[in-house]
Amino acid sequence: MEKKSYLKRELTPVKKAAFPAIDAHNHLWGNWQVDKVVQTMDETGIICYCDLTSNVNIEFAGGGYRITPGNISDFFNNCVKKYPQRFYGFTMAGFARPSNESLFENANEFVDECIQILREHVEAGAKGLKILKELGLHYRDSNGTLINADDPRLDPIWEEAARLNIPVLIHQADPSGFFEPMVPENEHFDSLSKYPSWSFSDPKFPRKDELIKRRDNLIKRHKNTIFILPHVANYAENLRYVSNLLDENPNIYIDFSARLDEVGRQPYSAREFFIKHQDRIIFGTDMPANIESSVDMYRCYFRFLETFDEAFYPPDYDGTFNRARWPIYGIGLPAEALEKIYYKNILKAIPSLENILTLNKSEVI
């Protein structure tokens, strides 16, 4: 529940994004009733929506979720064909497996199979490869050994992505508080109480710094592969580090999905960061677009990017406004930066997207 504030301030009404926007980080999770999603998109100016997990189904249970393999053809039939030019998808290829099962028994066979699936899905229209945080945190081989993001046995997969000219969107680590003890003093205590499977304080899990280091090893080792690092490279609490990472690695982009709370509470640093790296930041939300609060969710993102509004509350991780952590502040970006972030940068990362989008060239370019 949003806390009652006695602060007298004006909030700028922003009904649609200043430019046509592509939500380049989201999920349908096998839910093909997309009419409401399209309605939300139309109301808010979202011209295209990326389902990063187009060959995956998900079930929420036990304070977390369980992924199971799906059929990517269902995505193409229920989304792309039904709503041409409004959806595109990534594949998880061979990584679309439950995290409580061994990822592979024979690494070479897994890699070969994964590459074959990747080729088939790209041929069918998939625009990228998505890797969930289960890699590095949960996935193990048949010996019970944790498989790290920079495991050299997986190298051919990242090289194949480069050959296919598709990006790899890889999630590694989570907010720092998720790796600390779940106590009331932890600023993410309420989130972890709601989703206990998000807590990685148990010593059986690698520490956040280790996960980030391995991720960075991966992107440095595969300089010809484009990597999209979601959630402000999963280190929104340390913009100086992320800025240096972008400076040192021209093969990466970032998005700020599900991190309005983090960047919005440091508006001076965030504005400087967004302007400096305006060519490398991609718009995405990672929040449902088919629920009652979805329109307000998108408009909150627009308010953050486009205005200098003060002390407003971002949506929770699930896209609702039922819980307020802390207020955020707008960063009022110039039009040139907004245009790049809303749609131009993802078209650079995925050039083939221009073939599926009908943009009003006189209006947006």
Protein backbone atom coordinates (compact mmCIF):
# COMPACT_ATOMS: atom_id res chain seq x y z
CA MET A 1 0.00 0.00 0.00
CA GLU A 2 1.39 3.41 -0.97
CA LYS A 3 2.15 5.41 2.14
CA LYS A 4 0.23 8.61 2.75
CA SER A 5 2.41 11.61 2.04
CA TYR A 6 1.79 15.18 3.07
CA LEU A 7 4.23 16.52 0.52
CA LYS A 8 2.59 19.01 -1.84
CA ARG A 9 3.95 18.40 -5.31
CA GLU A 10 2.67 18.10 -8.84
CA LEU A 11 2.99 14.92 -10.90
CA THR A 12 3.21 15.34 -14.65
CA PRO A 13 0.59 13.36 -16.57
CA VAL A 14 2.46 11.17 -19.08
CA LYS A 15 -0.04 8.94 -20.84
CA LYS A 16 2.21 7.68 -23.63
CA ALA A 17 5.94 7.48 -24.18
CA ALA A 18 7.46 10.49 -25.92
CA PHE A 19 8.57 8.19 -28.75
CA PRO A 20 7.35 4.80 -29.96
CA ALA A 21 8.67 2.41 -27.33
CA ILE A 22 9.79 -1.20 -27.57
CA ASP A 23 9.50 -3.18 -24.36
CA ALA A 24 12.64 -5.22 -24.96
CA HIS A 25 12.55 -7.12 -21.67
CA ASN A 26 9.39 -8.97 -20.75
CA HIS A 27 7.86 -12.44 -20.50
CA LEU A 28 4.61 -14.13 -21.39
CA TRP A 29 5.66 -17.39 -19.72
CA GLY A 30 3.44 -19.49 -21.97
CA ASN A 31 0.33 -17.39 -21.28
CA TRP A 32 -1.07 -16.83 -24.76
CA GLN A 33 -4.09 -14.70 -23.86
CA VAL A 34 -2.36 -11.61 -25.19
CA ASP A 35 -5.34 -9.41 -26.06
CA LYS A 36 -4.99 -7.51 -22.78
CA VAL A 37 -1.26 -7.08 -23.38
CA VAL A 38 -1.95 -5.47 -26.76
CA GLN A 39 -4.63 -3.25 -25.21
CA THR A 40 -2.09 -2.04 -22.64
CA MET A 41 0.47 -1.47 -25.38
CA ASP A 42 -1.98 0.62 -27.39
CA GLU A 43 -2.89 2.75 -24.38
CA THR A 44 0.73 3.51 -23.53
CA GLY A 45 2.53 3.75 -26.87
CA ILE A 46 4.38 0.44 -26.72
CA ILE A 47 4.74 -0.53 -30.36
CA CYS A 48 6.43 -3.88 -29.83
CA TYR A 49 6.90 -6.34 -26.95
CA CYS A 50 9.65 -8.92 -26.50
CA ASP A 51 8.88 -12.27 -24.93
CA LEU A 52 12.35 -13.32 -23.81
CA THR A 53 11.25 -16.83 -22.86
CA SER A 54 9.23 -17.85 -25.90
CA ASN A 55 9.95 -21.57 -25.53
CA VAL A 56 9.30 -21.77 -21.79
CA ASN A 57 6.29 -22.28 -19.53
CA ILE A 58 6.31 -21.21 -15.90
CA GLU A 59 4.39 -22.14 -12.78
CA PHE A 60 4.45 -19.95 -9.67
CA ALA A 61 4.52 -21.94 -6.44
CA GLY A 62 6.31 -22.16 -3.11
CA GLY A 63 7.46 -18.55 -3.04
CA GLY A 64 9.08 -18.80 -6.46
CA TYR A 65 8.66 -20.32 -9.87
CA ARG A 66 9.37 -23.48 -11.83
CA ILE A 67 10.25 -23.43 -15.51
CA THR A 68 9.37 -26.20 -17.93
CA PRO A 69 10.09 -26.51 -21.65
CA GLY A 70 7.54 -25.11 -24.05
CA ASN A 71 7.12 -25.04 -27.82
CA ILE A 72 8.32 -21.85 -29.50
CA SER A 73 5.84 -22.42 -32.32
CA ASP A 74 3.07 -21.63 -29.83
CA PHE A 75 4.56 -18.14 -29.44
CA PHE A 76 4.68 -17.56 -33.18
CA ASN A 77 1.14 -18.85 -33.68
CA ASN A 78 -0.48 -17.07 -30.74
CA CYS A 79 1.43 -13.79 -30.78
CA VAL A 80 3.36 -13.07 -33.97
CA LYS A 81 0.73 -14.37 -36.40
CA LYS A 82 -2.20 -13.02 -34.41
CA TYR A 83 -0.63 -9.60 -33.91
CA PRO A 84 1.88 -9.04 -36.73
CA GLN A 85 4.74 -6.66 -35.92
CA ARG A 86 3.72 -6.29 -32.26
CA PHE A 87 5.77 -9.16 -30.79
CA TYR A 88 9.18 -10.72 -31.15
CA GLY A 89 10.79 -13.41 -29.06
CA PHE A 90 14.03 -14.81 -27.71
CA THR A 91 14.66 -18.48 -27.13
CA MET A 92 16.28 -20.24 -24.19
CA ALA A 93 17.25 -23.04 -26.58
CA GLY A 94 18.61 -25.98 -24.53
CA PHE A 95 18.56 -23.99 -21.29
CA ALA A 96 14.77 -24.31 -21.07
CA ARG A 97 14.95 -26.92 -18.32
CA PRO A 98 13.83 -27.14 -14.69
CA SER A 99 16.53 -25.90 -12.37
CA ASN A 100 16.22 -28.89 -10.03
CA GLU A 101 17.36 -31.27 -12.77
CA SER A 102 20.86 -31.73 -14.16
CA LEU A 103 21.44 -29.41 -17.08
CA PHE A 104 23.48 -32.08 -18.81
CA GLU A 105 25.28 -35.37 -18.38
CA ASN A 106 27.56 -34.91 -21.36
CA ALA A 107 28.60 -31.29 -21.92
CA ASN A 108 29.54 -31.75 -25.57
CA GLU A 109 26.20 -33.35 -26.39
CA PHE A 110 24.34 -30.59 -24.56
CA VAL A 111 26.24 -27.85 -26.40
CA ASP A 112 25.64 -29.49 -29.78
CA GLU A 113 21.94 -29.89 -29.03
CA CYS A 114 21.66 -26.34 -27.72
CA ILE A 115 23.30 -24.93 -30.85
CA GLN A 116 21.04 -26.98 -33.09
CA ILE A 117 17.91 -25.73 -31.27
CA LEU A 118 19.24 -22.18 -31.40
CA ARG A 119 19.77 -22.38 -35.15
CA GLU A 120 16.29 -23.81 -35.70
CA HIS A 121 14.63 -21.15 -33.55
CA VAL A 122 16.54 -18.31 -35.18
CA GLU A 123 15.58 -19.66 -38.58
CA ALA A 124 11.96 -19.65 -37.39
CA GLY A 125 12.26 -16.01 -36.26
CA ALA A 126 13.77 -15.89 -32.75
CA LYS A 127 15.79 -12.71 -32.26
CA GLY A 128 18.12 -13.67 -29.42
CA LEU A 129 19.18 -16.11 -26.71
CA LYS A 130 17.96 -15.65 -23.15
CA ILE A 131 19.84 -17.07 -20.15
CA LEU A 132 18.07 -17.00 -16.78
CA LYS A 133 19.90 -16.54 -13.48
CA GLU A 134 19.58 -20.29 -12.90
CA LEU A 135 22.91 -20.55 -14.72
CA GLY A 136 25.44 -19.85 -11.98
CA LEU A 137 22.97 -20.30 -9.12
CA HIS A 138 21.12 -23.58 -9.70
CA TYR A 139 22.08 -25.50 -12.82
CA ARG A 140 24.41 -28.43 -12.14
CA ASP A 141 25.95 -31.15 -14.23
CA SER A 142 25.35 -34.85 -13.63
CA ASN A 143 28.15 -34.87 -11.03
CA GLY A 144 26.32 -32.27 -8.98
CA THR A 145 28.86 -29.56 -9.82
CA LEU A 146 27.49 -26.04 -10.17
CA ILE A 147 27.79 -24.74 -13.75
CA ASN A 148 29.14 -21.21 -13.90
CA ALA A 149 28.41 -18.60 -16.55
CA ASP A 150 32.01 -18.60 -17.72
CA ASP A 151 32.29 -22.40 -17.85
CA PRO A 152 34.50 -22.96 -20.93
CA ARG A 153 32.40 -25.98 -21.90
CA LEU A 154 29.65 -23.55 -22.91
CA ASP A 155 31.86 -21.30 -25.04
CA PRO A 156 30.67 -22.66 -28.42
CA ILE A 157 27.13 -21.51 -27.60
CA TRP A 158 28.16 -17.87 -27.16
CA GLU A 159 30.30 -18.04 -30.29
CA GLU A 160 27.36 -19.44 -32.25
CA ALA A 161 25.23 -16.49 -31.11
CA ALA A 162 27.87 -14.19 -32.59
CA ARG A 163 27.86 -16.15 -35.84
CA LEU A 164 24.07 -15.93 -36.02
CA ASN A 165 24.29 -12.18 -35.28
CA ILE A 166 21.92 -12.37 -32.32
CA PRO A 167 22.41 -10.96 -28.80
CA VAL A 168 22.58 -12.98 -25.60
CA LEU A 169 20.55 -11.51 -22.75
CA ILE A 170 22.05 -13.02 -19.62
CA HIS A 171 20.82 -12.47 -16.07
CA GLN A 172 23.45 -12.96 -13.38
CA ALA A 173 22.96 -12.14 -9.69
CA ASP A 174 20.20 -9.99 -8.17
CA PRO A 175 19.90 -6.99 -5.83
CA SER A 176 22.63 -7.07 -3.22
CA GLY A 177 20.16 -7.52 -0.38
CA PHE A 178 19.07 -10.85 -1.84
CA PHE A 179 22.48 -12.24 -0.90
CA GLU A 180 22.38 -10.93 2.67
CA PRO A 181 20.58 -12.45 5.69
CA MET A 182 16.81 -12.12 5.56
CA VAL A 183 16.39 -9.89 8.59
CA PRO A 184 14.22 -6.78 9.08
CA GLU A 185 17.28 -4.56 8.67
CA ASN A 186 17.69 -5.82 5.11
CA GLU A 187 16.04 -3.23 2.80
CA HIS A 188 14.61 -6.11 0.73
CA PHE A 189 13.18 -7.97 3.72
CA ASP A 190 9.57 -7.57 2.55
CA SER A 191 10.39 -8.80 -0.95
CA LEU A 192 12.25 -11.81 0.38
CA SER A 193 9.42 -12.59 2.76
CA LYS A 194 7.03 -12.57 -0.18
CA TYR A 195 9.36 -14.55 -2.46
CA PRO A 196 11.63 -16.60 -0.19
CA SER A 197 13.19 -18.45 -3.13
CA TRP A 198 14.82 -15.13 -4.10
CA SER A 199 17.02 -15.29 -1.02
CA PHE A 200 20.56 -16.43 -1.80
CA SER A 201 22.08 -15.80 1.61
CA ASP A 202 22.68 -19.53 2.12
CA PRO A 203 26.42 -20.25 1.72
CA LYS A 204 25.57 -22.95 -0.84
CA PHE A 205 25.07 -20.12 -3.33
CA PRO A 206 27.95 -18.13 -4.83
CA ARG A 207 28.29 -14.58 -3.57
CA LYS A 208 27.10 -11.74 -5.76
CA ASP A 209 30.63 -10.48 -6.44
CA GLU A 210 31.60 -13.94 -7.68
CA LEU A 211 28.61 -14.15 -10.03
CA ILE A 212 29.33 -10.69 -11.42
CA LYS A 213 33.01 -11.49 -11.88
CA ARG A 214 32.23 -14.66 -13.82
CA ARG A 215 29.70 -12.80 -15.98
CA ASP A 216 32.30 -10.16 -16.73
CA ASN A 217 34.84 -12.85 -17.62
CA LEU A 218 32.32 -14.22 -20.09
CA ILE A 219 31.65 -10.95 -21.92
CA LYS A 220 35.36 -10.11 -22.08
CA ARG A 221 36.19 -13.54 -23.50
CA HIS A 222 33.60 -13.31 -26.27
CA LYS A 223 34.15 -9.87 -27.71
CA ASN A 224 32.32 -10.65 -30.96
CA THR A 225 29.13 -11.61 -29.12
CA ILE A 226 26.60 -8.91 -28.23
CA PHE A 227 25.45 -9.26 -24.63
CA ILE A 228 22.47 -7.47 -23.11
CA LEU A 229 22.91 -7.24 -19.34
CA PRO A 230 19.49 -6.74 -17.75
CA HIS A 231 18.54 -4.84 -14.61
CA VAL A 232 21.39 -2.31 -15.00
CA ALA A 233 23.88 -5.16 -15.39
CA ASN A 234 22.40 -6.52 -12.16
CA TYR A 235 24.30 -3.93 -10.16
CA ALA A 236 22.03 -0.89 -10.10
CA GLU A 237 23.33 -0.13 -6.60
CA ASN A 238 26.75 0.65 -8.10
CA LEU A 239 26.39 2.87 -11.17
CA ARG A 240 30.08 3.72 -11.19
CA TYR A 241 30.94 0.07 -11.66
CA VAL A 242 28.34 -0.34 -14.43
CA SER A 243 29.60 2.80 -16.15
CA ASN A 244 33.15 1.45 -16.17
CA LEU A 245 31.88 -1.89 -17.46
CA LEU A 246 30.20 -0.15 -20.40
CA ASP A 247 33.32 1.91 -21.09
CA GLU A 248 35.51 -1.18 -21.17
CA ASN A 249 33.24 -3.50 -23.18
CA PRO A 250 31.75 -2.17 -26.43
CA ASN A 251 29.93 -5.47 -26.99
CA ILE A 252 27.38 -4.92 -24.21
CA TYR A 253 24.09 -3.11 -23.74
CA ILE A 254 22.09 -2.84 -20.52
CA ASP A 255 18.43 -2.45 -19.67
CA PHE A 256 16.93 -1.05 -16.46
CA SER A 257 13.91 -3.32 -16.24
CA ALA A 258 12.54 -3.88 -12.73
CA ARG A 259 15.07 -1.43 -11.30
CA LEU A 260 13.16 1.86 -11.20
CA ASP A 261 13.42 1.65 -7.43
CA GLU A 262 17.22 1.54 -7.56
CA VAL A 263 17.95 4.15 -10.24
CA GLY A 264 15.08 6.39 -9.17
CA ARG A 265 16.41 6.86 -5.65
CA GLN A 266 19.73 8.20 -6.99
CA PRO A 267 18.41 10.64 -9.60
CA TYR A 268 21.51 12.85 -9.89
CA SER A 269 23.82 9.91 -10.53
CA ALA A 270 21.22 8.16 -12.67
CA ARG A 271 20.66 11.16 -14.93
CA GLU A 272 24.39 11.58 -15.49
CA PHE A 273 24.68 7.84 -16.15
CA PHE A 274 21.74 7.69 -18.59
CA ILE A 275 22.99 10.67 -20.56
CA LYS A 276 26.57 9.42 -20.73
CA HIS A 277 25.50 5.94 -21.87
CA GLN A 278 22.41 6.89 -23.87
CA ASP A 279 23.67 4.80 -26.82
CA ARG A 280 23.85 1.61 -24.74
CA ILE A 281 20.67 1.61 -22.63
CA ILE A 282 17.56 -0.30 -23.72
CA PHE A 283 14.00 0.18 -22.53
CA GLY A 284 12.29 -2.78 -20.84
CA THR A 285 10.08 -3.38 -17.82
CA ASP A 286 10.08 -7.10 -16.90
CA MET A 287 6.60 -6.60 -15.45
CA PRO A 288 3.19 -7.95 -16.47
CA ALA A 289 1.36 -6.03 -19.19
CA ASN A 290 -1.96 -7.82 -18.76
CA ILE A 291 -3.04 -6.84 -15.25
CA GLU A 292 -5.06 -3.94 -13.87
CA SER A 293 -2.01 -1.87 -12.92
CA SER A 294 -0.07 -2.38 -16.17
CA VAL A 295 -0.95 0.97 -17.74
CA ASP A 296 0.15 2.79 -14.58
CA MET A 297 3.31 0.67 -14.52
CA TYR A 298 4.35 1.84 -17.98
CA ARG A 299 3.43 5.42 -17.22
CA CYS A 300 5.62 5.32 -14.13
CA TYR A 301 8.58 4.33 -16.30
CA PHE A 302 7.80 7.20 -18.66
CA ARG A 303 7.51 9.64 -15.74
CA PHE A 304 10.92 8.57 -14.47
CA LEU A 305 12.56 9.04 -17.86
CA GLU A 306 10.77 12.15 -19.11
CA THR A 307 10.02 14.38 -16.10
CA PHE A 308 11.59 15.87 -13.02
CA ASP A 309 8.66 14.77 -10.85
CA GLU A 310 9.55 14.19 -7.22
CA ALA A 311 8.71 11.60 -4.59
CA PHE A 312 6.51 9.14 -6.48
CA TYR A 313 6.41 5.41 -5.96
CA PRO A 314 7.54 2.81 -8.51
CA PRO A 315 5.73 -0.48 -9.08
CA ASP A 316 6.73 -3.55 -7.11
CA TYR A 317 8.59 -6.40 -8.82
CA ASP A 318 5.26 -7.93 -9.83
CA GLY A 319 4.07 -4.72 -11.53
CA THR A 320 1.56 -3.78 -8.83
CA PHE A 321 1.49 -0.72 -6.57
CA ASN A 322 0.35 -2.51 -3.41
CA ARG A 323 3.67 -2.10 -1.63
CA ALA A 324 5.87 0.98 -1.38
CA ARG A 325 9.55 0.57 -0.62
CA TRP A 326 10.80 4.13 -1.13
CA PRO A 327 9.95 7.09 -3.37
CA ILE A 328 11.82 7.82 -6.60
CA TYR A 329 12.52 10.94 -8.65
CA GLY A 330 12.40 11.68 -12.37
CA ILE A 331 15.56 12.32 -14.37
CA GLY A 332 14.10 14.43 -17.19
CA LEU A 333 16.14 13.12 -20.11
CA PRO A 334 16.53 15.16 -23.31
CA ALA A 335 14.61 14.02 -26.39
CA GLU A 336 17.71 12.69 -28.15
CA ALA A 337 18.44 10.29 -25.29
CA LEU A 338 14.80 9.25 -24.92
CA GLU A 339 14.53 8.30 -28.59
CA LYS A 340 17.60 6.09 -28.38
CA ILE A 341 16.49 4.39 -25.18
CA TYR A 342 12.88 3.83 -26.22
CA TYR A 343 13.60 2.12 -29.53
CA LYS A 344 16.77 3.04 -31.44
CA ASN A 345 19.25 1.13 -29.29
CA ILE A 346 17.42 -2.18 -29.45
CA LEU A 347 17.32 -1.82 -33.24
CA LYS A 348 21.10 -1.47 -33.15
CA ALA A 349 21.45 -4.56 -30.99
CA ILE A 350 19.03 -6.53 -33.18
CA PRO A 351 19.18 -5.07 -36.71
CA SER A 352 16.73 -7.63 -38.07
CA LEU A 353 13.98 -6.10 -35.93
CA GLU A 354 13.59 -3.37 -38.51
CA ASN A 355 12.26 -6.03 -40.87
CA ILE A 356 9.28 -6.81 -38.62
CA LEU A 357 8.37 -3.32 -37.42
CA THR A 358 6.30 -0.86 -39.33
CA LEU A 359 7.46 2.48 -38.02
CA ASN A 360 6.22 5.83 -39.22
CA LYS A 361 9.59 6.94 -40.52
CA SER A 362 8.65 10.60 -40.78
CA GLU A 363 7.53 10.58 -37.17
CA VAL A 364 10.25 8.63 -35.38
CA ILE A 365 13.43 8.80 -37.47
